[in-house]
Amino acid sequence: MKKTFVHFRKNNKGMGTVEIILIIVVLIGLVLIFKTQIQELVSTVFEKISVDSSAILA
């Protein structure tokens, strides 16, 4: 019984999955918190790209 418990405690193959899930949850939370700021930034960047590309084509 003790040998099984020690093996279970040393076996950490699932740790990577748990860590990745926690990172994804934190990233989703940050996106939800800063959603409007991200949308404004992306909108501004695409507007500048559009203006610059029309200046190059003209």
N, C-alpha and C. Protein backbone atom coordinates (compact mmCIF):
# COMPACT_ATOMS: atom_id res chain seq x y z
N MET A 1 0.83 -1.19 0.00
CA MET A 1 0.00 0.00 0.00
C MET A 1 0.87 1.25 0.00
N LYS A 2 1.90 1.27 0.85
CA LYS A 2 2.77 2.44 0.93
C LYS A 2 3.52 2.63 -0.39
N LYS A 3 3.93 1.54 -1.02
CA LYS A 3 4.65 1.61 -2.28
C LYS A 3 3.75 2.23 -3.37
N THR A 4 2.49 1.85 -3.38
CA THR A 4 1.54 2.40 -4.35
C THR A 4 1.35 3.89 -4.13
N PHE A 5 1.23 4.33 -2.88
CA PHE A 5 1.05 5.75 -2.58
C PHE A 5 2.27 6.56 -3.01
N VAL A 6 3.46 6.04 -2.75
CA VAL A 6 4.69 6.74 -3.13
C VAL A 6 4.78 6.84 -4.65
N HIS A 7 4.42 5.77 -5.35
CA HIS A 7 4.44 5.79 -6.81
C HIS A 7 3.41 6.81 -7.34
N PHE A 8 2.24 6.84 -6.75
CA PHE A 8 1.19 7.79 -7.17
C PHE A 8 1.64 9.23 -6.94
N ARG A 9 2.31 9.48 -5.82
CA ARG A 9 2.77 10.82 -5.51
C ARG A 9 3.88 11.27 -6.46
N LYS A 10 4.74 10.35 -6.88
CA LYS A 10 5.84 10.69 -7.78
C LYS A 10 5.39 10.76 -9.24
N ASN A 11 4.27 10.14 -9.56
CA ASN A 11 3.77 10.13 -10.93
C ASN A 11 3.06 11.45 -11.20
N ASN A 12 3.65 12.31 -12.00
CA ASN A 12 3.05 13.62 -12.28
C ASN A 12 2.85 13.83 -13.77
N LYS A 13 2.42 12.80 -14.48
CA LYS A 13 2.21 12.90 -15.92
C LYS A 13 1.07 13.85 -16.25
N GLY A 14 0.07 13.95 -15.39
CA GLY A 14 -1.07 14.81 -15.65
C GLY A 14 -0.84 16.27 -15.30
N MET A 15 0.29 16.60 -14.73
CA MET A 15 0.54 17.97 -14.31
C MET A 15 0.57 18.93 -15.51
N GLY A 16 1.09 18.51 -16.64
CA GLY A 16 1.16 19.37 -17.80
C GLY A 16 -0.22 19.78 -18.28
N THR A 17 -1.14 18.85 -18.28
CA THR A 17 -2.51 19.12 -18.71
C THR A 17 -3.18 20.13 -17.79
N VAL A 18 -3.04 19.95 -16.51
CA VAL A 18 -3.65 20.86 -15.55
C VAL A 18 -3.06 22.26 -15.69
N GLU A 19 -1.77 22.34 -15.87
CA GLU A 19 -1.13 23.65 -16.02
C GLU A 19 -1.60 24.35 -17.28
N ILE A 20 -1.72 23.61 -18.38
CA ILE A 20 -2.19 24.20 -19.63
C ILE A 20 -3.63 24.69 -19.48
N ILE A 21 -4.47 23.92 -18.84
CA ILE A 21 -5.86 24.33 -18.63
C ILE A 21 -5.93 25.60 -17.78
N LEU A 22 -5.11 25.70 -16.74
CA LEU A 22 -5.10 26.90 -15.91
C LEU A 22 -4.62 28.12 -16.69
N ILE A 23 -3.63 27.95 -17.53
CA ILE A 23 -3.14 29.06 -18.36
C ILE A 23 -4.23 29.52 -19.32
N ILE A 24 -4.95 28.57 -19.93
CA ILE A 24 -6.03 28.91 -20.86
C ILE A 24 -7.14 29.66 -20.13
N VAL A 25 -7.48 29.23 -18.92
CA VAL A 25 -8.53 29.91 -18.15
C VAL A 25 -8.12 31.34 -17.82
N VAL A 26 -6.86 31.54 -17.45
CA VAL A 26 -6.38 32.89 -17.15
C VAL A 26 -6.41 33.76 -18.40
N LEU A 27 -5.99 33.22 -19.54
CA LEU A 27 -6.00 33.99 -20.78
C LEU A 27 -7.42 34.36 -21.20
N ILE A 28 -8.35 33.44 -21.06
CA ILE A 28 -9.75 33.75 -21.39
C ILE A 28 -10.28 34.83 -20.46
N GLY A 29 -9.93 34.76 -19.19
CA GLY A 29 -10.34 35.80 -18.25
C GLY A 29 -9.80 37.16 -18.62
N LEU A 30 -8.53 37.21 -19.02
CA LEU A 30 -7.94 38.49 -19.43
C LEU A 30 -8.61 39.04 -20.68
N VAL A 31 -8.92 38.16 -21.62
CA VAL A 31 -9.62 38.61 -22.84
C VAL A 31 -10.99 39.17 -22.49
N LEU A 32 -11.69 38.52 -21.60
CA LEU A 32 -13.02 39.01 -21.21
C LEU A 32 -12.93 40.35 -20.47
N ILE A 33 -11.91 40.52 -19.66
CA ILE A 33 -11.76 41.77 -18.91
C ILE A 33 -11.41 42.93 -19.85
N PHE A 34 -10.49 42.68 -20.80
CA PHE A 34 -10.01 43.74 -21.67
C PHE A 34 -10.60 43.67 -23.08
N LYS A 35 -11.80 43.13 -23.19
CA LYS A 35 -12.43 42.91 -24.49
C LYS A 35 -12.58 44.21 -25.29
N THR A 36 -13.09 45.24 -24.67
CA THR A 36 -13.33 46.50 -25.41
C THR A 36 -12.01 47.15 -25.83
N GLN A 37 -11.02 47.12 -24.97
CA GLN A 37 -9.73 47.70 -25.32
C GLN A 37 -9.08 46.94 -26.48
N ILE A 38 -9.21 45.62 -26.49
CA ILE A 38 -8.65 44.81 -27.57
C ILE A 38 -9.37 45.12 -28.88
N GLN A 39 -10.70 45.24 -28.82
CA GLN A 39 -11.46 45.56 -30.03
C GLN A 39 -11.07 46.92 -30.59
N GLU A 40 -10.91 47.91 -29.72
CA GLU A 40 -10.51 49.24 -30.17
C GLU A 40 -9.12 49.22 -30.80
N LEU A 41 -8.20 48.50 -30.18
CA LEU A 41 -6.84 48.41 -30.71
C LEU A 41 -6.82 47.75 -32.08
N VAL A 42 -7.52 46.64 -32.22
CA VAL A 42 -7.56 45.94 -33.51
C VAL A 42 -8.21 46.81 -34.56
N SER A 43 -9.27 47.49 -34.20
CA SER A 43 -9.95 48.38 -35.14
C SER A 43 -9.02 49.50 -35.61
N THR A 44 -8.31 50.11 -34.70
CA THR A 44 -7.36 51.17 -35.04
C THR A 44 -6.25 50.66 -35.96
N VAL A 45 -5.72 49.49 -35.66
CA VAL A 45 -4.65 48.92 -36.48
C VAL A 45 -5.15 48.66 -37.90
N PHE A 46 -6.35 48.08 -38.03
CA PHE A 46 -6.87 47.80 -39.36
C PHE A 46 -7.20 49.07 -40.13
N GLU A 47 -7.64 50.10 -39.45
CA GLU A 47 -7.89 51.38 -40.12
C GLU A 47 -6.58 51.96 -40.67
N LYS A 48 -5.52 51.90 -39.87
CA LYS A 48 -4.22 52.41 -40.33
C LYS A 48 -3.70 51.59 -41.50
N ILE A 49 -3.87 50.29 -41.45
CA ILE A 49 -3.44 49.43 -42.56
C ILE A 49 -4.22 49.79 -43.83
N SER A 50 -5.51 50.00 -43.68
CA SER A 50 -6.34 50.35 -44.82
C SER A 50 -5.93 51.68 -45.44
N VAL A 51 -5.69 52.67 -44.60
CA VAL A 51 -5.27 53.99 -45.10
C VAL A 51 -3.91 53.90 -45.78
N ASP A 52 -2.97 53.19 -45.15
CA ASP A 52 -1.63 53.08 -45.72
C ASP A 52 -1.65 52.29 -47.02
N SER A 53 -2.46 51.25 -47.11
CA SER A 53 -2.49 50.46 -48.33
C SER A 53 -3.13 51.25 -49.46
N SER A 54 -4.14 52.09 -49.18
CA SER A 54 -4.71 52.90 -50.26
C SER A 54 -3.73 53.98 -50.70
N ALA A 55 -2.88 54.47 -49.80
CA ALA A 55 -1.88 55.45 -50.19
C ALA A 55 -0.83 54.80 -51.09
N ILE A 56 -0.50 53.57 -50.85
CA ILE A 56 0.49 52.86 -51.67
C ILE A 56 -0.09 52.56 -53.06
N LEU A 57 -1.36 52.17 -53.10
CA LEU A 57 -1.98 51.80 -54.38
C LEU A 57 -2.30 53.03 -55.24
N ALA A 58 -2.46 54.20 -54.64
CA ALA A 58 -2.84 55.39 -55.41
C ALA A 58 -1.69 56.02 -56.12
